[in-house]
């Protein structure tokens, strides 16, 4: 048994404030993207694409959009939750070295995607597996990854020229970090706490 594999899983964090902005060697980025592309997919459809975003103007435009969406969400919170949320950094778009946007093409391999006829979302699940591969590979390489979810899909599609019918699933901020926190940010800030495994495991029936 190689304990290093489990160490990567448990060390992985959703990074926000620890990016250094240092460059990522091309060979390292290639290994990380290759790991993502090696993920399993329904019907071997490989319905993902990876947009590597380095352009400062594009990232600044996205950051402005995210800031507005943060304010929209904050307006829905009660006073106590809003106070907690105000202390939480939700993205590292400008601080990270680059971004990788992962998309989902439901038409790839269609119309007969083997294994998708009964559960349409298996294609989307496949993209999530690629994202997890990318995240773990980046962690193993000493990089941080932060998944930004405060955005509207049509905005990102327009900003990046994503073709109609293809969904932007994840905007990932990627780069070297000063460190990875021992506990997730949301736990450290008292937003939520992780459930113990014993409460998540069921046997034979719910």
Protein backbone atom coordinates (compact mmCIF):
# COMPACT_ATOMS: atom_id res chain seq x y z
CA UNK A 1 0.00 0.00 0.00
CA UNK A 2 1.30 3.46 -0.96
CA UNK A 3 0.29 5.87 1.79
CA UNK A 4 1.35 8.82 -0.38
CA UNK A 5 -1.80 8.38 -2.45
CA UNK A 6 -4.04 8.72 0.61
CA UNK A 7 -1.96 11.65 1.82
CA UNK A 8 -2.72 13.53 -1.41
CA UNK A 9 -6.45 12.85 -1.03
CA UNK A 10 -6.58 14.16 2.52
CA UNK A 11 -4.17 17.04 1.91
CA UNK A 12 -6.15 18.42 -1.05
CA UNK A 13 -7.83 21.74 -0.31
CA UNK A 14 -10.00 24.25 -2.13
CA UNK A 15 -7.44 27.06 -2.20
CA UNK A 16 -8.36 30.73 -2.00
CA UNK A 17 -5.76 32.91 -0.31
CA UNK A 18 -2.48 31.00 -0.50
CA UNK A 19 -1.53 31.41 -4.18
CA UNK A 20 1.92 32.87 -4.85
CA UNK A 21 1.48 33.64 -8.55
CA UNK A 22 4.73 31.82 -9.37
CA UNK A 23 4.92 30.19 -12.82
CA UNK A 24 3.95 26.58 -13.49
CA UNK A 25 6.49 24.70 -15.63
CA UNK A 26 4.94 23.53 -18.91
CA UNK A 27 5.84 19.90 -18.19
CA UNK A 28 4.01 20.06 -14.84
CA UNK A 29 0.89 21.60 -16.39
CA UNK A 30 0.99 18.90 -19.08
CA UNK A 31 1.14 16.14 -16.44
CA UNK A 32 -1.81 17.64 -14.57
CA UNK A 33 -3.92 17.96 -17.72
CA UNK A 34 -2.91 14.45 -18.81
CA UNK A 35 -4.13 13.11 -15.46
CA UNK A 36 -7.45 14.87 -15.98
CA UNK A 37 -7.75 13.51 -19.51
CA UNK A 38 -7.09 9.97 -18.21
CA UNK A 39 -10.34 9.99 -16.20
CA UNK A 40 -13.01 7.37 -16.93
CA UNK A 41 -16.03 8.53 -18.90
CA UNK A 42 -19.41 7.10 -19.82
CA UNK A 43 -19.20 5.29 -23.15
CA UNK A 44 -15.61 6.53 -23.47
CA UNK A 45 -17.17 9.79 -24.63
CA UNK A 46 -14.52 11.98 -22.94
CA UNK A 47 -16.98 14.89 -22.94
CA UNK A 48 -14.57 17.40 -21.41
CA UNK A 49 -12.38 20.19 -22.76
CA UNK A 50 -9.86 22.29 -20.86
CA UNK A 51 -9.47 26.03 -21.49
CA UNK A 52 -6.21 27.33 -20.00
CA UNK A 53 -6.73 31.01 -19.17
CA UNK A 54 -3.67 33.17 -18.65
CA UNK A 55 -4.92 36.47 -20.10
CA UNK A 56 -5.05 39.14 -17.37
CA UNK A 57 -7.94 41.03 -18.97
CA UNK A 58 -10.08 37.90 -19.20
CA UNK A 59 -9.38 37.00 -15.60
CA UNK A 60 -10.11 40.57 -14.47
CA UNK A 61 -13.48 40.49 -16.26
CA UNK A 62 -14.32 37.18 -14.62
CA UNK A 63 -13.23 38.49 -11.21
CA UNK A 64 -15.57 41.47 -11.58
CA UNK A 65 -18.44 39.12 -12.43
CA UNK A 66 -17.66 36.89 -9.43
CA UNK A 67 -17.58 39.90 -7.12
CA UNK A 68 -21.07 40.91 -8.27
CA UNK A 69 -22.37 37.36 -7.74
CA UNK A 70 -20.85 37.32 -4.26
CA UNK A 71 -22.85 40.43 -3.42
CA UNK A 72 -26.00 38.83 -4.83
CA UNK A 73 -25.53 35.79 -2.58
CA UNK A 74 -24.64 37.89 0.47
CA UNK A 75 -27.91 39.79 0.11
CA UNK A 76 -29.84 36.53 0.70
CA UNK A 77 -28.24 35.84 4.10
CA UNK A 78 -29.43 36.74 7.56
CA UNK A 79 -27.22 39.03 9.62
CA UNK A 80 -25.26 36.30 11.42
CA UNK A 81 -24.57 34.31 8.24
CA UNK A 82 -23.66 37.50 6.36
CA UNK A 83 -21.11 38.34 9.03
CA UNK A 84 -19.51 34.90 8.74
CA UNK A 85 -19.59 35.05 4.95
CA UNK A 86 -17.87 38.45 4.90
CA UNK A 87 -14.75 36.85 6.39
CA UNK A 88 -14.57 34.10 3.77
CA UNK A 89 -12.52 34.56 0.60
CA UNK A 90 -14.32 32.79 -2.23
CA UNK A 91 -11.76 32.89 -5.06
CA UNK A 92 -8.15 33.42 -6.07
CA UNK A 93 -8.74 34.44 -9.67
CA UNK A 94 -6.21 37.28 -9.76
CA UNK A 95 -3.66 35.80 -7.34
CA UNK A 96 -3.33 32.37 -8.96
CA UNK A 97 -0.93 31.67 -11.82
CA UNK A 98 -3.62 30.69 -14.29
CA UNK A 99 -7.12 29.30 -14.55
CA UNK A 100 -8.39 26.12 -16.14
CA UNK A 101 -12.02 26.07 -17.21
CA UNK A 102 -13.44 22.58 -17.65
CA UNK A 103 -16.41 22.20 -19.97
CA UNK A 104 -18.98 19.51 -20.78
CA UNK A 105 -20.06 18.62 -24.31
CA UNK A 106 -23.20 16.44 -24.12
CA UNK A 107 -23.08 15.91 -27.87
CA UNK A 108 -19.72 14.16 -27.88
CA UNK A 109 -20.25 10.52 -28.80
CA UNK A 110 -23.97 11.14 -29.37
CA UNK A 111 -26.53 10.00 -30.25
CA UNK A 112 -25.71 6.57 -28.81
CA UNK A 113 -23.52 7.16 -25.77
CA UNK A 114 -23.12 3.70 -24.27
CA UNK A 115 -24.35 3.77 -20.66
CA UNK A 116 -26.07 7.17 -20.78
CA UNK A 117 -29.51 6.21 -22.08
CA UNK A 118 -31.08 5.80 -18.62
CA UNK A 119 -29.11 8.39 -16.64
CA UNK A 120 -28.47 11.52 -18.69
CA UNK A 121 -26.19 13.05 -16.05
CA UNK A 122 -23.52 10.36 -16.41
CA UNK A 123 -21.82 12.63 -18.92
CA UNK A 124 -21.67 15.41 -16.36
CA UNK A 125 -20.43 12.92 -13.75
CA UNK A 126 -17.62 12.00 -16.15
CA UNK A 127 -16.49 15.63 -16.29
CA UNK A 128 -16.45 15.74 -12.48
CA UNK A 129 -14.16 12.70 -12.47
CA UNK A 130 -11.76 14.55 -14.78
CA UNK A 131 -11.85 17.55 -12.43
CA UNK A 132 -11.05 15.34 -9.45
CA UNK A 133 -8.14 13.75 -11.32
CA UNK A 134 -6.83 17.21 -12.17
CA UNK A 135 -7.18 18.36 -8.56
CA UNK A 136 -5.37 15.37 -7.07
CA UNK A 137 -2.60 15.54 -9.66
CA UNK A 138 -2.12 19.25 -8.97
CA UNK A 139 -1.93 18.54 -5.23
CA UNK A 140 0.68 15.83 -5.83
CA UNK A 141 2.67 18.38 -7.87
CA UNK A 142 2.63 20.88 -5.00
CA UNK A 143 0.02 23.13 -6.64
CA UNK A 144 -3.16 24.54 -5.20
CA UNK A 145 -6.56 24.47 -6.91
CA UNK A 146 -9.59 26.60 -6.15
CA UNK A 147 -13.00 25.87 -7.71
CA UNK A 148 -14.91 29.13 -8.28
CA UNK A 149 -18.67 28.62 -8.38
CA UNK A 150 -19.96 32.20 -8.07
CA UNK A 151 -20.72 32.71 -11.76
CA UNK A 152 -23.46 32.43 -14.35
CA UNK A 153 -22.77 29.90 -17.10
CA UNK A 154 -23.88 32.21 -19.98
CA UNK A 155 -21.40 34.86 -18.82
CA UNK A 156 -18.46 32.45 -18.82
CA UNK A 157 -19.52 30.97 -22.15
CA UNK A 158 -19.61 34.44 -23.70
CA UNK A 159 -16.34 35.53 -22.09
CA UNK A 160 -14.43 32.49 -23.36
CA UNK A 161 -16.22 31.93 -26.66
CA UNK A 162 -17.60 28.55 -25.62
CA UNK A 163 -19.79 27.12 -28.42
CA UNK A 164 -23.53 26.82 -27.92
CA UNK A 165 -24.61 23.61 -26.20
CA UNK A 166 -21.35 23.19 -24.27
CA UNK A 167 -21.48 23.90 -20.53
CA UNK A 168 -18.70 25.48 -18.48
CA UNK A 169 -18.68 23.21 -15.43
CA UNK A 170 -15.73 24.48 -13.39
CA UNK A 171 -13.52 27.55 -13.28
CA UNK A 172 -10.40 26.34 -11.48
CA UNK A 173 -7.72 28.69 -10.18
CA UNK A 174 -4.37 26.89 -10.27
CA UNK A 175 -0.85 27.67 -9.12
CA UNK A 176 1.91 27.26 -6.56
CA UNK A 177 0.89 28.05 -2.98
CA UNK A 178 2.62 29.04 0.24
CA UNK A 179 0.92 26.13 2.00
CA UNK A 180 -2.27 24.06 2.17
CA UNK A 181 -4.44 24.62 5.23
CA UNK A 182 -4.88 21.73 7.67
CA UNK A 183 -8.67 22.20 7.57
CA UNK A 184 -10.99 23.46 4.81
CA UNK A 185 -11.65 27.21 4.82
CA UNK A 186 -15.38 26.84 5.45
CA UNK A 187 -14.66 24.72 8.50
CA UNK A 188 -12.02 27.12 9.78
CA UNK A 189 -14.44 30.04 9.45
CA UNK A 190 -17.31 28.21 11.13
CA UNK A 191 -19.53 28.07 8.05
CA UNK A 192 -19.98 24.28 8.02
CA UNK A 193 -18.34 21.24 9.59
CA UNK A 194 -17.58 17.92 7.96
CA UNK A 195 -19.78 14.93 8.72
CA UNK A 196 -18.01 11.96 10.27
CA UNK A 197 -17.76 8.93 7.99
CA UNK A 198 -19.92 6.81 10.32
CA UNK A 199 -22.92 9.06 9.54
CA UNK A 200 -22.45 8.71 5.79
CA UNK A 201 -22.15 4.91 5.54
CA UNK A 202 -25.25 2.69 5.25
CA UNK A 203 -25.46 -1.07 4.88
CA UNK A 204 -27.87 -2.82 2.52
CA UNK A 205 -30.58 -0.13 2.98
CA UNK A 206 -30.65 3.58 3.89
